[in-house]
Amino acid sequence: ARPSKFNEIDFAIAFARIECHFFANGGFFTEDGWILNNIDKIRGIPGWIVQGRFDVVTPMDSAWSLKKAWPEVSFDIVWDAGHASTEPGIVDGLVRATDQALRL
């Protein structure tokens, strides 16, 4: 479900600016594959991947590559979701991940 905020022009413009700034700057990474190339820097830090099966923004193969490089990370595939953090299955996965993080 799309949040009603996206129908408000001021919010839509602000969101578009942030997205454009992020992508125009390469996500603020110095090279493609930076996370995978530097995975040892986060080894030992708990992590969670909540991945929508139908996500075309960050495809499954990206999440799977990260999981293979960081085997101790929790990997949750949401079978009926795409990219939006507002999709029910993604919300559930993010809440579960947050609950697990609280118990550390």
PDB file of N, CA and C in Angstrom:
ATOM      1  N   ALA A   1       0.841  -1.181   0.000  1.00  0.00           N
ATOM      2  CA  ALA A   1       0.000   0.000   0.000  1.00  0.00           C
ATOM      3  C   ALA A   1       0.881   1.236   0.000  1.00  0.00           C
ATOM      4  N   ARG A   2       0.519   2.161  -0.821  1.00  0.00           N
ATOM      5  CA  ARG A   2       1.287   3.395  -0.944  1.00  0.00           C
ATOM      6  C   ARG A   2       0.811   4.395   0.099  1.00  0.00           C
ATOM      7  N   PRO A   3       1.742   4.967   0.878  1.00  0.00           N
ATOM      8  CA  PRO A   3       1.342   5.961   1.887  1.00  0.00           C
ATOM      9  C   PRO A   3       0.688   7.171   1.234  1.00  0.00           C
ATOM     10  N   SER A   4      -0.313   7.727   1.877  1.00  0.00           N
ATOM     11  CA  SER A   4      -1.027   8.880   1.315  1.00  0.00           C
ATOM     12  C   SER A   4      -0.108  10.085   1.159  1.00  0.00           C
ATOM     13  N   LYS A   5       0.965  10.141   1.931  1.00  0.00           N
ATOM     14  CA  LYS A   5       1.924  11.250   1.829  1.00  0.00           C
ATOM     15  C   LYS A   5       2.435  11.420   0.403  1.00  0.00           C
ATOM     16  N   PHE A   6       2.568  10.306  -0.340  1.00  0.00           N
ATOM     17  CA  PHE A   6       3.099  10.384  -1.694  1.00  0.00           C
ATOM     18  C   PHE A   6       2.181  11.169  -2.627  1.00  0.00           C
ATOM     19  N   ASN A   7       0.947  11.372  -2.230  1.00  0.00           N
ATOM     20  CA  ASN A   7       0.016  12.161  -3.032  1.00  0.00           C
ATOM     21  C   ASN A   7       0.133  13.653  -2.747  1.00  0.00           C
ATOM     22  N   GLU A   8       0.899  14.025  -1.723  1.00  0.00           N
ATOM     23  CA  GLU A   8       1.091  15.437  -1.381  1.00  0.00           C
ATOM     24  C   GLU A   8       2.293  15.964  -2.153  1.00  0.00           C
ATOM     25  N   ILE A   9       2.100  17.050  -2.889  1.00  0.00           N
ATOM     26  CA  ILE A   9       3.124  17.568  -3.790  1.00  0.00           C
ATOM     27  C   ILE A   9       4.421  17.929  -3.063  1.00  0.00           C
ATOM     28  N   ASP A  10       4.341  18.564  -1.895  1.00  0.00           N
ATOM     29  CA  ASP A  10       5.560  18.942  -1.173  1.00  0.00           C
ATOM     30  C   ASP A  10       6.366  17.714  -0.758  1.00  0.00           C
ATOM     31  N   PHE A  11       5.680  16.694  -0.278  1.00  0.00           N
ATOM     32  CA  PHE A  11       6.365  15.463   0.106  1.00  0.00           C
ATOM     33  C   PHE A  11       6.977  14.791  -1.119  1.00  0.00           C
ATOM     34  N   ALA A  12       6.217  14.707  -2.199  1.00  0.00           N
ATOM     35  CA  ALA A  12       6.700  14.047  -3.413  1.00  0.00           C
ATOM     36  C   ALA A  12       7.952  14.738  -3.950  1.00  0.00           C
ATOM     37  N   ILE A  13       7.973  16.065  -3.941  1.00  0.00           N
ATOM     38  CA  ILE A  13       9.144  16.806  -4.422  1.00  0.00           C
ATOM     39  C   ILE A  13      10.341  16.571  -3.503  1.00  0.00           C
ATOM     40  N   ALA A  14      10.125  16.642  -2.201  1.00  0.00           N
ATOM     41  CA  ALA A  14      11.220  16.421  -1.247  1.00  0.00           C
ATOM     42  C   ALA A  14      11.783  15.006  -1.392  1.00  0.00           C
ATOM     43  N   PHE A  15      10.913  14.027  -1.506  1.00  0.00           N
ATOM     44  CA  PHE A  15      11.345  12.641  -1.648  1.00  0.00           C
ATOM     45  C   PHE A  15      12.139  12.464  -2.944  1.00  0.00           C
ATOM     46  N   ALA A  16      11.648  13.041  -4.026  1.00  0.00           N
ATOM     47  CA  ALA A  16      12.339  12.943  -5.315  1.00  0.00           C
ATOM     48  C   ALA A  16      13.717  13.593  -5.247  1.00  0.00           C
ATOM     49  N   ARG A  17      13.837  14.725  -4.561  1.00  0.00           N
ATOM     50  CA  ARG A  17      15.144  15.385  -4.404  1.00  0.00           C
ATOM     51  C   ARG A  17      16.134  14.492  -3.662  1.00  0.00           C
ATOM     52  N   ILE A  18      15.676  13.902  -2.573  1.00  0.00           N
ATOM     53  CA  ILE A  18      16.552  13.029  -1.787  1.00  0.00           C
ATOM     54  C   ILE A  18      16.993  11.833  -2.632  1.00  0.00           C
ATOM     55  N   GLU A  19      16.050  11.205  -3.324  1.00  0.00           N
ATOM     56  CA  GLU A  19      16.382  10.056  -4.169  1.00  0.00           C
ATOM     57  C   GLU A  19      17.375  10.442  -5.263  1.00  0.00           C
ATOM     58  N   CYS A  20      17.131  11.554  -5.924  1.00  0.00           N
ATOM     59  CA  CYS A  20      18.036  11.997  -6.996  1.00  0.00           C
ATOM     60  C   CYS A  20      19.430  12.285  -6.452  1.00  0.00           C
ATOM     61  N   HIS A  21      19.502  12.942  -5.305  1.00  0.00           N
ATOM     62  CA  HIS A  21      20.790  13.252  -4.677  1.00  0.00           C
ATOM     63  C   HIS A  21      21.541  11.960  -4.349  1.00  0.00           C
ATOM     64  N   PHE A  22      20.839  10.988  -3.795  1.00  0.00           N
ATOM     65  CA  PHE A  22      21.440   9.702  -3.445  1.00  0.00           C
ATOM     66  C   PHE A  22      22.002   9.011  -4.686  1.00  0.00           C
ATOM     67  N   PHE A  23      21.192   8.893  -5.727  1.00  0.00           N
ATOM     68  CA  PHE A  23      21.630   8.170  -6.916  1.00  0.00           C
ATOM     69  C   PHE A  23      22.662   8.944  -7.722  1.00  0.00           C
ATOM     70  N   ALA A  24      22.552  10.267  -7.765  1.00  0.00           N
ATOM     71  CA  ALA A  24      23.543  11.073  -8.479  1.00  0.00           C
ATOM     72  C   ALA A  24      24.921  10.961  -7.835  1.00  0.00           C
ATOM     73  N   ASN A  25      24.957  10.599  -6.564  1.00  0.00           N
ATOM     74  CA  ASN A  25      26.221  10.455  -5.839  1.00  0.00           C
ATOM     75  C   ASN A  25      26.596   8.990  -5.613  1.00  0.00           C
ATOM     76  N   GLY A  26      26.067   8.119  -6.432  1.00  0.00           N
ATOM     77  CA  GLY A  26      26.442   6.710  -6.366  1.00  0.00           C
ATOM     78  C   GLY A  26      26.159   6.052  -5.037  1.00  0.00           C
ATOM     79  N   GLY A  27      25.106   6.518  -4.354  1.00  0.00           N
ATOM     80  CA  GLY A  27      24.774   5.953  -3.051  1.00  0.00           C
ATOM     81  C   GLY A  27      25.801   6.299  -1.989  1.00  0.00           C
ATOM     82  N   PHE A  28      26.698   7.218  -2.311  1.00  0.00           N
ATOM     83  CA  PHE A  28      27.771   7.665  -1.416  1.00  0.00           C
ATOM     84  C   PHE A  28      28.801   6.578  -1.139  1.00  0.00           C
ATOM     85  N   PHE A  29      28.892   5.611  -2.046  1.00  0.00           N
ATOM     86  CA  PHE A  29      29.954   4.614  -1.983  1.00  0.00           C
ATOM     87  C   PHE A  29      31.058   5.041  -2.939  1.00  0.00           C
ATOM     88  N   THR A  30      32.289   4.700  -2.611  1.00  0.00           N
ATOM     89  CA  THR A  30      33.425   5.114  -3.436  1.00  0.00           C
ATOM     90  C   THR A  30      33.637   4.219  -4.647  1.00  0.00           C
ATOM     91  N   GLU A  31      33.014   3.035  -4.656  1.00  0.00           N
ATOM     92  CA  GLU A  31      33.170   2.116  -5.781  1.00  0.00           C
ATOM     93  C   GLU A  31      31.985   1.153  -5.821  1.00  0.00           C
ATOM     94  N   ASP A  32      31.715   0.616  -7.000  1.00  0.00           N
ATOM     95  CA  ASP A  32      30.706  -0.437  -7.108  1.00  0.00           C
ATOM     96  C   ASP A  32      31.169  -1.638  -6.291  1.00  0.00           C
ATOM     97  N   GLY A  33      30.242  -2.279  -5.618  1.00  0.00           N
ATOM     98  CA  GLY A  33      30.581  -3.451  -4.825  1.00  0.00           C
ATOM     99  C   GLY A  33      31.272  -3.140  -3.515  1.00  0.00           C
ATOM    100  N   TRP A  34      31.197  -1.886  -3.061  1.00  0.00           N
ATOM    101  CA  TRP A  34      31.926  -1.474  -1.853  1.00  0.00           C
ATOM    102  C   TRP A  34      31.576  -2.337  -0.650  1.00  0.00           C
ATOM    103  N   ILE A  35      30.307  -2.612  -0.437  1.00  0.00           N
ATOM    104  CA  ILE A  35      29.922  -3.399   0.744  1.00  0.00           C
ATOM    105  C   ILE A  35      30.526  -4.800   0.662  1.00  0.00           C
ATOM    106  N   LEU A  36      30.382  -5.457  -0.472  1.00  0.00           N
ATOM    107  CA  LEU A  36      30.936  -6.807  -0.603  1.00  0.00           C
ATOM    108  C   LEU A  36      32.460  -6.793  -0.501  1.00  0.00           C
ATOM    109  N   ASN A  37      33.090  -5.779  -1.067  1.00  0.00           N
ATOM    110  CA  ASN A  37      34.549  -5.682  -1.014  1.00  0.00           C
ATOM    111  C   ASN A  37      35.069  -5.372   0.385  1.00  0.00           C
ATOM    112  N   ASN A  38      34.215  -4.864   1.248  1.00  0.00           N
ATOM    113  CA  ASN A  38      34.620  -4.479   2.600  1.00  0.00           C
ATOM    114  C   ASN A  38      33.843  -5.237   3.670  1.00  0.00           C
ATOM    115  N   ILE A  39      33.343  -6.409   3.322  1.00  0.00           N
ATOM    116  CA  ILE A  39      32.473  -7.162   4.225  1.00  0.00           C
ATOM    117  C   ILE A  39      33.155  -7.472   5.553  1.00  0.00           C
ATOM    118  N   ASP A  40      34.464  -7.627   5.559  1.00  0.00           N
ATOM    119  CA  ASP A  40      35.162  -7.943   6.810  1.00  0.00           C
ATOM    120  C   ASP A  40      35.032  -6.829   7.841  1.00  0.00           C
ATOM    121  N   LYS A  41      34.741  -5.617   7.395  1.00  0.00           N
ATOM    122  CA  LYS A  41      34.579  -4.492   8.328  1.00  0.00           C
ATOM    123  C   LYS A  41      33.304  -4.618   9.160  1.00  0.00           C
ATOM    124  N   ILE A  42      32.330  -5.372   8.666  1.00  0.00           N
ATOM    125  CA  ILE A  42      31.088  -5.523   9.436  1.00  0.00           C
ATOM    126  C   ILE A  42      30.898  -6.941   9.972  1.00  0.00           C
ATOM    127  N   ARG A  43      31.849  -7.804   9.674  1.00  0.00           N
ATOM    128  CA  ARG A  43      31.761  -9.170  10.186  1.00  0.00           C
ATOM    129  C   ARG A  43      31.698  -9.119  11.709  1.00  0.00           C
ATOM    130  N   GLY A  44      30.817  -9.906  12.279  1.00  0.00           N
ATOM    131  CA  GLY A  44      30.652  -9.914  13.726  1.00  0.00           C
ATOM    132  C   GLY A  44      29.588  -8.949  14.222  1.00  0.00           C
ATOM    133  N   ILE A  45      29.129  -8.056  13.347  1.00  0.00           N
ATOM    134  CA  ILE A  45      28.038  -7.148  13.707  1.00  0.00           C
ATOM    135  C   ILE A  45      26.735  -7.813  13.259  1.00  0.00           C
ATOM    136  N   PRO A  46      25.769  -7.962  14.156  1.00  0.00           N
ATOM    137  CA  PRO A  46      24.505  -8.584  13.743  1.00  0.00           C
ATOM    138  C   PRO A  46      23.838  -7.784  12.618  1.00  0.00           C
ATOM    139  N   GLY A  47      23.214  -8.498  11.708  1.00  0.00           N
ATOM    140  CA  GLY A  47      22.528  -7.833  10.611  1.00  0.00           C
ATOM    141  C   GLY A  47      21.324  -8.626  10.144  1.00  0.00           C
ATOM    142  N   TRP A  48      20.435  -7.948   9.463  1.00  0.00           N
ATOM    143  CA  TRP A  48      19.207  -8.555   8.963  1.00  0.00           C
ATOM    144  C   TRP A  48      18.969  -8.069   7.545  1.00  0.00           C
ATOM    145  N   ILE A  49      18.619  -8.980   6.681  1.00  0.00           N
ATOM    146  CA  ILE A  49      18.195  -8.643   5.325  1.00  0.00           C
ATOM    147  C   ILE A  49      16.733  -9.045   5.222  1.00  0.00           C
ATOM    148  N   VAL A  50      15.877  -8.093   4.902  1.00  0.00           N
ATOM    149  CA  VAL A  50      14.460  -8.360   4.643  1.00  0.00           C
ATOM    150  C   VAL A  50      14.262  -8.030   3.166  1.00  0.00           C
ATOM    151  N   GLN A  51      14.080  -9.060   2.347  1.00  0.00           N
ATOM    152  CA  GLN A  51      14.097  -8.916   0.897  1.00  0.00           C
ATOM    153  C   GLN A  51      12.781  -9.342   0.287  1.00  0.00           C
ATOM    154  N   GLY A  52      12.131  -8.432  -0.428  1.00  0.00           N
ATOM    155  CA  GLY A  52      10.915  -8.777  -1.156  1.00  0.00           C
ATOM    156  C   GLY A  52      11.253  -9.576  -2.406  1.00  0.00           C
ATOM    157  N   ARG A  53      10.565 -10.668  -2.606  1.00  0.00           N
ATOM    158  CA  ARG A  53      10.816 -11.539  -3.759  1.00  0.00           C
ATOM    159  C   ARG A  53      10.631 -10.809  -5.087  1.00  0.00           C
ATOM    160  N   PHE A  54       9.692  -9.881  -5.136  1.00  0.00           N
ATOM    161  CA  PHE A  54       9.396  -9.175  -6.379  1.00  0.00           C
ATOM    162  C   PHE A  54      10.039  -7.791  -6.437  1.00  0.00           C
ATOM    163  N   ASP A  55      11.058  -7.563  -5.634  1.00  0.00           N
ATOM    164  CA  ASP A  55      11.748  -6.271  -5.604  1.00  0.00           C
ATOM    165  C   ASP A  55      12.559  -6.101  -6.887  1.00  0.00           C
ATOM    166  N   VAL A  56      12.211  -5.098  -7.691  1.00  0.00           N
ATOM    167  CA  VAL A  56      12.972  -4.820  -8.907  1.00  0.00           C
ATOM    168  C   VAL A  56      13.931  -3.646  -8.716  1.00  0.00           C
ATOM    169  N   VAL A  57      13.883  -3.000  -7.558  1.00  0.00           N
ATOM    170  CA  VAL A  57      14.808  -1.901  -7.251  1.00  0.00           C
ATOM    171  C   VAL A  57      16.130  -2.473  -6.748  1.00  0.00           C
ATOM    172  N   THR A  58      16.047  -3.361  -5.774  1.00  0.00           N
ATOM    173  CA  THR A  58      17.224  -4.091  -5.281  1.00  0.00           C
ATOM    174  C   THR A  58      16.922  -5.575  -5.458  1.00  0.00           C
ATOM    175  N   PRO A  59      17.301  -6.128  -6.590  1.00  0.00           N
ATOM    176  CA  PRO A  59      16.924  -7.502  -6.927  1.00  0.00           C
ATOM    177  C   PRO A  59      17.471  -8.542  -5.944  1.00  0.00           C
ATOM    178  N   MET A  60      16.820  -9.688  -5.952  1.00  0.00           N
ATOM    179  CA  MET A  60      17.172 -10.786  -5.061  1.00  0.00           C
ATOM    180  C   MET A  60      18.641 -11.173  -5.174  1.00  0.00           C
ATOM    181  N   ASP A  61      19.218 -11.132  -6.373  1.00  0.00           N
ATOM    182  CA  ASP A  61      20.612 -11.561  -6.497  1.00  0.00           C
ATOM    183  C   ASP A  61      21.560 -10.665  -5.713  1.00  0.00           C
ATOM    184  N   SER A  62      21.211  -9.394  -5.541  1.00  0.00           N
ATOM    185  CA  SER A  62      22.036  -8.503  -4.711  1.00  0.00           C
ATOM    186  C   SER A  62      21.992  -8.939  -3.252  1.00  0.00           C
ATOM    187  N   ALA A  63      20.802  -9.219  -2.759  1.00  0.00           N
ATOM    188  CA  ALA A  63      20.651  -9.663  -1.370  1.00  0.00           C
ATOM    189  C   ALA A  63      21.325 -11.014  -1.169  1.00  0.00           C
ATOM    190  N   TRP A  64      21.189 -11.903  -2.145  1.00  0.00           N
ATOM    191  CA  TRP A  64      21.785 -13.231  -2.021  1.00  0.00           C
ATOM    192  C   TRP A  64      23.311 -13.149  -2.030  1.00  0.00           C
ATOM    193  N   SER A  65      23.871 -12.276  -2.852  1.00  0.00           N
ATOM    194  CA  SER A  65      25.330 -12.080  -2.861  1.00  0.00           C
ATOM    195  C   SER A  65      25.817 -11.598  -1.504  1.00  0.00           C
ATOM    196  N   LEU A  66      25.064 -10.694  -0.895  1.00  0.00           N
ATOM    197  CA  LEU A  66      25.431 -10.209   0.436  1.00  0.00           C
ATOM    198  C   LEU A  66      25.333 -11.334   1.460  1.00  0.00           C
ATOM    199  N   LYS A  67      24.287 -12.135   1.392  1.00  0.00           N
ATOM    200  CA  LYS A  67      24.116 -13.265   2.317  1.00  0.00           C
ATOM    201  C   LYS A  67      25.271 -14.260   2.181  1.00  0.00           C
ATOM    202  N   LYS A  68      25.684 -14.555   0.947  1.00  0.00           N
ATOM    203  CA  LYS A  68      26.791 -15.502   0.747  1.00  0.00           C
ATOM    204  C   LYS A  68      28.100 -14.956   1.315  1.00  0.00           C
ATOM    205  N   ALA A  69      28.312 -13.652   1.192  1.00  0.00           N
ATOM    206  CA  ALA A  69      29.538 -13.041   1.706  1.00  0.00           C
ATOM    207  C   ALA A  69      29.500 -12.858   3.218  1.00  0.00           C
ATOM    208  N   TRP A  70      28.300 -12.799   3.784  1.00  0.00           N
ATOM    209  CA  TRP A  70      28.101 -12.517   5.211  1.00  0.00           C
ATOM    210  C   TRP A  70      27.154 -13.585   5.763  1.00  0.00           C
ATOM    211  N   PRO A  71      27.609 -14.841   5.876  1.00  0.00           N
ATOM    212  CA  PRO A  71      26.705 -15.952   6.195  1.00  0.00           C
ATOM    213  C   PRO A  71      25.990 -15.841   7.530  1.00  0.00           C
ATOM    214  N   GLU A  72      26.543 -15.090   8.460  1.00  0.00           N
ATOM    215  CA  GLU A  72      25.899 -14.983   9.773  1.00  0.00           C
ATOM    216  C   GLU A  72      24.712 -14.015   9.795  1.00  0.00           C
ATOM    217  N   VAL A  73      24.481 -13.292   8.710  1.00  0.00           N
ATOM    218  CA  VAL A  73      23.359 -12.354   8.663  1.00  0.00           C
ATOM    219  C   VAL A  73      22.038 -13.126   8.570  1.00  0.00           C
ATOM    220  N   SER A  74      21.002 -12.593   9.191  1.00  0.00           N
ATOM    221  CA  SER A  74      19.664 -13.171   9.078  1.00  0.00           C
ATOM    222  C   SER A  74      19.089 -12.773   7.719  1.00  0.00           C
ATOM    223  N   PHE A  75      18.519 -13.733   7.005  1.00  0.00           N
ATOM    224  CA  PHE A  75      18.038 -13.490   5.645  1.00  0.00           C
ATOM    225  C   PHE A  75      16.579 -13.898   5.558  1.00  0.00           C
ATOM    226  N   ASP A  76      15.702 -12.928   5.360  1.00  0.00           N
ATOM    227  CA  ASP A  76      14.258 -13.152   5.345  1.00  0.00           C
ATOM    228  C   ASP A  76      13.712 -12.778   3.970  1.00  0.00           C
ATOM    229  N   ILE A  77      13.251 -13.763   3.221  1.00  0.00           N
ATOM    230  CA  ILE A  77      12.629 -13.498   1.921  1.00  0.00           C
ATOM    231  C   ILE A  77      11.130 -13.358   2.136  1.00  0.00           C
ATOM    232  N   VAL A  78      10.584 -12.241   1.714  1.00  0.00           N
ATOM    233  CA  VAL A  78       9.143 -12.003   1.808  1.00  0.00           C
ATOM    234  C   VAL A  78       8.563 -12.349   0.434  1.00  0.00           C
ATOM    235  N   TRP A  79       7.857 -13.463   0.374  1.00  0.00           N
ATOM    236  CA  TRP A  79       7.450 -14.052  -0.899  1.00  0.00           C
ATOM    237  C   TRP A  79       6.402 -13.256  -1.653  1.00  0.00           C
ATOM    238  N   ASP A  80       5.637 -12.404  -0.977  1.00  0.00           N
ATOM    239  CA  ASP A  80       4.576 -11.666  -1.669  1.00  0.00           C
ATOM    240  C   ASP A  80       4.819 -10.162  -1.629  1.00  0.00           C
ATOM    241  N   ALA A  81       6.089  -9.743  -1.646  1.00  0.00           N
ATOM    242  CA  ALA A  81       6.384  -8.312  -1.546  1.00  0.00           C
ATOM    243  C   ALA A  81       7.405  -7.888  -2.594  1.00  0.00           C
ATOM    244  N   GLY A  82       7.411  -6.580  -2.814  1.00  0.00           N
ATOM    245  CA  GLY A  82       8.408  -5.964  -3.674  1.00  0.00           C
ATOM    246  C   GLY A  82       9.383  -5.157  -2.836  1.00  0.00           C
ATOM    247  N   HIS A  83       9.552  -3.885  -3.183  1.00  0.00           N
ATOM    248  CA  HIS A  83      10.562  -3.040  -2.545  1.00  0.00           C
ATOM    249  C   HIS A  83      10.019  -2.178  -1.406  1.00  0.00           C
ATOM    250  N   ALA A  84       8.746  -1.854  -1.432  1.00  0.00           N
ATOM    251  CA  ALA A  84       8.201  -0.849  -0.509  1.00  0.00           C
ATOM    252  C   ALA A  84       8.215  -1.323   0.939  1.00  0.00           C
ATOM    253  N   SER A  85       8.720  -0.466   1.800  1.00  0.00           N
ATOM    254  CA  SER A  85       8.763  -0.788   3.233  1.00  0.00           C
ATOM    255  C   SER A  85       7.375  -0.783   3.862  1.00  0.00           C
ATOM    256  N   THR A  86       6.380  -0.342   3.116  1.00  0.00           N
ATOM    257  CA  THR A  86       5.011  -0.295   3.635  1.00  0.00           C
ATOM    258  C   THR A  86       4.204  -1.551   3.294  1.00  0.00           C
ATOM    259  N   GLU A  87       4.771  -2.461   2.513  1.00  0.00           N
ATOM    260  CA  GLU A  87       4.055  -3.700   2.189  1.00  0.00           C
ATOM    261  C   GLU A  87       3.960  -4.556   3.448  1.00  0.00           C
ATOM    262  N   PRO A  88       2.803  -5.175   3.685  1.00  0.00           N
ATOM    263  CA  PRO A  88       2.594  -5.899   4.951  1.00  0.00           C
ATOM    264  C   PRO A  88       3.692  -6.905   5.301  1.00  0.00           C
ATOM    265  N   GLY A  89       4.127  -7.708   4.347  1.00  0.00           N
ATOM    266  CA  GLY A  89       5.165  -8.698   4.638  1.00  0.00           C
ATOM    267  C   GLY A  89       6.501  -8.067   4.987  1.00  0.00           C
ATOM    268  N   ILE A  90       6.817  -6.953   4.330  1.00  0.00           N
ATOM    269  CA  ILE A  90       8.061  -6.237   4.633  1.00  0.00           C
ATOM    270  C   ILE A  90       7.968  -5.626   6.025  1.00  0.00           C
ATOM    271  N   VAL A  91       6.823  -5.024   6.328  1.00  0.00           N
ATOM    272  CA  VAL A  91       6.626  -4.459   7.673  1.00  0.00           C
ATOM    273  C   VAL A  91       6.833  -5.545   8.723  1.00  0.00           C
ATOM    274  N   ASP A  92       6.218  -6.709   8.525  1.00  0.00           N
ATOM    275  CA  ASP A  92       6.369  -7.814   9.483  1.00  0.00           C
ATOM    276  C   ASP A  92       7.836  -8.215   9.636  1.00  0.00           C
ATOM    277  N   GLY A  93       8.546  -8.332   8.519  1.00  0.00           N
ATOM    278  CA  GLY A  93       9.957  -8.709   8.569  1.00  0.00           C
ATOM    279  C   GLY A  93      10.809  -7.680   9.282  1.00  0.00           C
ATOM    280  N   LEU A  94      10.531  -6.402   9.030  1.00  0.00           N
ATOM    281  CA  LEU A  94      11.294  -5.340   9.697  1.00  0.00           C
ATOM    282  C   LEU A  94      11.001  -5.301  11.191  1.00  0.00           C
ATOM    283  N   VAL A  95       9.748  -5.547  11.560  1.00  0.00           N
ATOM    284  CA  VAL A  95       9.395  -5.589  12.989  1.00  0.00           C
ATOM    285  C   VAL A  95      10.095  -6.772  13.660  1.00  0.00           C
ATOM    286  N   ARG A  96      10.101  -7.938  13.002  1.00  0.00           N
ATOM    287  CA  ARG A  96      10.803  -9.107  13.563  1.00  0.00           C
ATOM    288  C   ARG A  96      12.292  -8.818  13.739  1.00  0.00           C
ATOM    289  N   ALA A  97      12.898  -8.202  12.729  1.00  0.00           N
ATOM    290  CA  ALA A  97      14.325  -7.870  12.811  1.00  0.00           C
ATOM    291  C   ALA A  97      14.584  -6.894  13.953  1.00  0.00           C
ATOM    292  N   THR A  98      13.720  -5.905  14.099  1.00  0.00           N
ATOM    293  CA  THR A  98      13.872  -4.932  15.184  1.00  0.00           C
ATOM    294  C   THR A  98      13.711  -5.601  16.540  1.00  0.00           C
ATOM    295  N   ASP A  99      12.733  -6.487  16.665  1.00  0.00           N
ATOM    296  CA  ASP A  99      12.547  -7.228  17.921  1.00  0.00           C
ATOM    297  C   ASP A  99      13.790  -8.050  18.260  1.00  0.00           C
ATOM    298  N   GLN A 100      14.377  -8.689  17.249  1.00  0.00           N
ATOM    299  CA  GLN A 100      15.597  -9.469  17.484  1.00  0.00           C
ATOM    300  C   GLN A 100      16.750  -8.563  17.905  1.00  0.00           C
ATOM    301  N   ALA A 101      16.857  -7.406  17.287  1.00  0.00           N
ATOM    302  CA  ALA A 101      17.926  -6.466  17.640  1.00  0.00           C
ATOM    303  C   ALA A 101      17.768  -5.968  19.072  1.00  0.00           C
ATOM    304  N   LEU A 102      16.539  -5.799  19.505  1.00  0.00           N
ATOM    305  CA  LEU A 102      16.296  -5.343  20.877  1.00  0.00           C
ATOM    306  C   LEU A 102      16.760  -6.360  21.910  1.00  0.00           C
ATOM    307  N   ARG A 103      16.773  -7.636  21.528  1.00  0.00           N
ATOM    308  CA  ARG A 103      17.158  -8.694  22.471  1.00  0.00           C
ATOM    309  C   ARG A 103      18.665  -8.948  22.503  1.00  0.00           C
ATOM    310  N   LEU A 104      19.436  -8.190  21.761  1.00  0.00           N
ATOM    311  CA  LEU A 104      20.898  -8.391  21.764  1.00  0.00           C
ATOM    312  C   LEU A 104      21.509  -7.928  23.066  1.00  0.00           C
TER     313      LEU A 104
END
